[in-house]
Amino acid sequence: MTTSQKHRDFVAEPMGEKPVGSLAGIGDVLSKRLEERGFDKAYVVLGQFLVLRKDEDLFREWLKDTCGANAKQSRDCFGCLREWCDAFL
């Protein structure tokens, strides 16, 4: 699987206070929708990812329901968070 520069940048370092839009697959529109629902930082989305036990189907369905992410966007975001967890947790 090839990854975007955004993905590589995200997983290269600790998350800190990165905005939700720094996640791979999350652009301006989805970022705004997530922020409106209280998911303003990447670590808040990570929390949901962990609550869903890193389950790809559950997380991708949640992302679709929460902000309208399409299949590619949800797959990119899931992959980004999974790789970040593998590196830092």
C-alpha atoms as a PDB file:
ATOM      1  CA  MET A   1       0.000   0.000   0.000  1.00  0.00           C
ATOM      2  CA  THR A   2       1.355   3.412  -0.883  1.00  0.00           C
ATOM      3  CA  THR A   3       0.853   6.223   1.569  1.00  0.00           C
ATOM      4  CA  SER A   4       0.536   9.952   1.092  1.00  0.00           C
ATOM      5  CA  GLN A   5       3.049  12.523   2.256  1.00  0.00           C
ATOM      6  CA  LYS A   6       0.439  13.637   4.787  1.00  0.00           C
ATOM      7  CA  HIS A   7       0.318  10.065   6.166  1.00  0.00           C
ATOM      8  CA  ARG A   8       4.108   9.805   6.350  1.00  0.00           C
ATOM      9  CA  ASP A   9       4.379  13.174   8.075  1.00  0.00           C
ATOM     10  CA  PHE A  10       1.740  12.239  10.645  1.00  0.00           C
ATOM     11  CA  VAL A  11       3.231   8.884  11.630  1.00  0.00           C
ATOM     12  CA  ALA A  12       6.785  10.245  11.769  1.00  0.00           C
ATOM     13  CA  GLU A  13       6.372  11.968  15.127  1.00  0.00           C
ATOM     14  CA  PRO A  14       4.305  12.088  18.328  1.00  0.00           C
ATOM     15  CA  MET A  15       0.779  13.409  17.885  1.00  0.00           C
ATOM     16  CA  GLY A  16       0.834  16.219  20.423  1.00  0.00           C
ATOM     17  CA  GLU A  17      -1.775  18.878  19.671  1.00  0.00           C
ATOM     18  CA  LYS A  18      -2.054  18.253  15.933  1.00  0.00           C
ATOM     19  CA  PRO A  19      -5.396  19.355  14.474  1.00  0.00           C
ATOM     20  CA  VAL A  20      -7.804  16.726  13.182  1.00  0.00           C
ATOM     21  CA  GLY A  21      -7.055  17.862   9.626  1.00  0.00           C
ATOM     22  CA  SER A  22      -3.500  16.577   9.957  1.00  0.00           C
ATOM     23  CA  LEU A  23      -4.821  12.989   9.748  1.00  0.00           C
ATOM     24  CA  ALA A  24      -4.480  11.282   6.379  1.00  0.00           C
ATOM     25  CA  GLY A  25      -7.827  11.176   4.598  1.00  0.00           C
ATOM     26  CA  ILE A  26      -9.219  14.172   6.488  1.00  0.00           C
ATOM     27  CA  GLY A  27      -9.369  17.312   4.367  1.00  0.00           C
ATOM     28  CA  ASP A  28     -10.956  20.689   5.007  1.00  0.00           C
ATOM     29  CA  VAL A  29     -14.598  19.590   4.681  1.00  0.00           C
ATOM     30  CA  LEU A  30     -14.325  16.498   6.880  1.00  0.00           C
ATOM     31  CA  SER A  31     -12.149  18.389   9.348  1.00  0.00           C
ATOM     32  CA  LYS A  32     -14.853  21.029   9.773  1.00  0.00           C
ATOM     33  CA  ARG A  33     -17.550  18.376  10.236  1.00  0.00           C
ATOM     34  CA  LEU A  34     -15.487  16.552  12.851  1.00  0.00           C
ATOM     35  CA  GLU A  35     -14.685  19.793  14.680  1.00  0.00           C
ATOM     36  CA  GLU A  36     -18.400  20.628  14.816  1.00  0.00           C
ATOM     37  CA  ARG A  37     -18.941  17.298  16.583  1.00  0.00           C
ATOM     38  CA  GLY A  38     -16.185  17.911  19.126  1.00  0.00           C
ATOM     39  CA  PHE A  39     -13.378  16.025  17.376  1.00  0.00           C
ATOM     40  CA  ASP A  40     -11.075  19.024  16.961  1.00  0.00           C
ATOM     41  CA  LYS A  41      -7.718  17.347  17.578  1.00  0.00           C
ATOM     42  CA  ALA A  42      -6.164  14.228  16.096  1.00  0.00           C
ATOM     43  CA  TYR A  43      -5.848  12.738  19.596  1.00  0.00           C
ATOM     44  CA  VAL A  44      -9.638  12.943  20.090  1.00  0.00           C
ATOM     45  CA  VAL A  45     -10.134  10.855  16.931  1.00  0.00           C
ATOM     46  CA  LEU A  46      -7.394   8.526  18.205  1.00  0.00           C
ATOM     47  CA  GLY A  47      -9.431   8.113  21.396  1.00  0.00           C
ATOM     48  CA  GLN A  48     -12.447   6.984  19.376  1.00  0.00           C
ATOM     49  CA  PHE A  49     -10.178   4.662  17.368  1.00  0.00           C
ATOM     50  CA  LEU A  50      -9.016   3.079  20.633  1.00  0.00           C
ATOM     51  CA  VAL A  51     -12.535   2.909  22.124  1.00  0.00           C
ATOM     52  CA  LEU A  52     -13.492   0.935  19.020  1.00  0.00           C
ATOM     53  CA  ARG A  53     -10.579  -1.396  19.815  1.00  0.00           C
ATOM     54  CA  LYS A  54      -8.675  -0.507  16.620  1.00  0.00           C
ATOM     55  CA  ASP A  55     -11.336  -2.391  14.649  1.00  0.00           C
ATOM     56  CA  GLU A  56     -11.194  -1.289  11.015  1.00  0.00           C
ATOM     57  CA  ASP A  57     -14.848  -1.919  10.155  1.00  0.00           C
ATOM     58  CA  LEU A  58     -16.189  -0.207  13.279  1.00  0.00           C
ATOM     59  CA  PHE A  59     -13.883   2.805  12.941  1.00  0.00           C
ATOM     60  CA  ARG A  60     -14.538   3.315   9.252  1.00  0.00           C
ATOM     61  CA  GLU A  61     -18.300   3.042   9.810  1.00  0.00           C
ATOM     62  CA  TRP A  62     -18.043   5.557  12.673  1.00  0.00           C
ATOM     63  CA  LEU A  63     -16.084   7.983  10.474  1.00  0.00           C
ATOM     64  CA  LYS A  64     -18.628   7.645   7.677  1.00  0.00           C
ATOM     65  CA  ASP A  65     -21.538   8.243  10.075  1.00  0.00           C
ATOM     66  CA  THR A  66     -19.831  11.111  11.909  1.00  0.00           C
ATOM     67  CA  CYS A  67     -18.476  13.198   9.045  1.00  0.00           C
ATOM     68  CA  GLY A  68     -19.496  11.544   5.781  1.00  0.00           C
ATOM     69  CA  ALA A  69     -16.073  10.109   4.944  1.00  0.00           C
ATOM     70  CA  ASN A  70     -16.012   7.986   1.801  1.00  0.00           C
ATOM     71  CA  ALA A  71     -14.287   4.586   1.542  1.00  0.00           C
ATOM     72  CA  LYS A  72     -10.873   5.990   0.539  1.00  0.00           C
ATOM     73  CA  GLN A  73     -10.920   8.719   3.181  1.00  0.00           C
ATOM     74  CA  SER A  74     -11.863   6.311   5.959  1.00  0.00           C
ATOM     75  CA  ARG A  75      -9.311   3.740   4.802  1.00  0.00           C
ATOM     76  CA  ASP A  76      -6.554   6.390   4.726  1.00  0.00           C
ATOM     77  CA  CYS A  77      -7.462   7.692   8.183  1.00  0.00           C
ATOM     78  CA  PHE A  78      -7.639   4.187   9.657  1.00  0.00           C
ATOM     79  CA  GLY A  79      -4.265   3.256   8.163  1.00  0.00           C
ATOM     80  CA  CYS A  80      -2.705   6.445   9.466  1.00  0.00           C
ATOM     81  CA  LEU A  81      -3.924   5.867  13.030  1.00  0.00           C
ATOM     82  CA  ARG A  82      -3.041   2.159  12.973  1.00  0.00           C
ATOM     83  CA  GLU A  83       0.513   2.881  11.846  1.00  0.00           C
ATOM     84  CA  TRP A  84       0.870   5.701  14.389  1.00  0.00           C
ATOM     85  CA  CYS A  85      -0.245   3.321  17.165  1.00  0.00           C
ATOM     86  CA  ASP A  86       2.188   0.653  15.991  1.00  0.00           C
ATOM     87  CA  ALA A  87       5.004   3.190  16.246  1.00  0.00           C
ATOM     88  CA  PHE A  88       4.084   5.023  19.464  1.00  0.00           C
ATOM     89  CA  LEU A  89       1.903   2.798  21.675  1.00  0.00           C
END
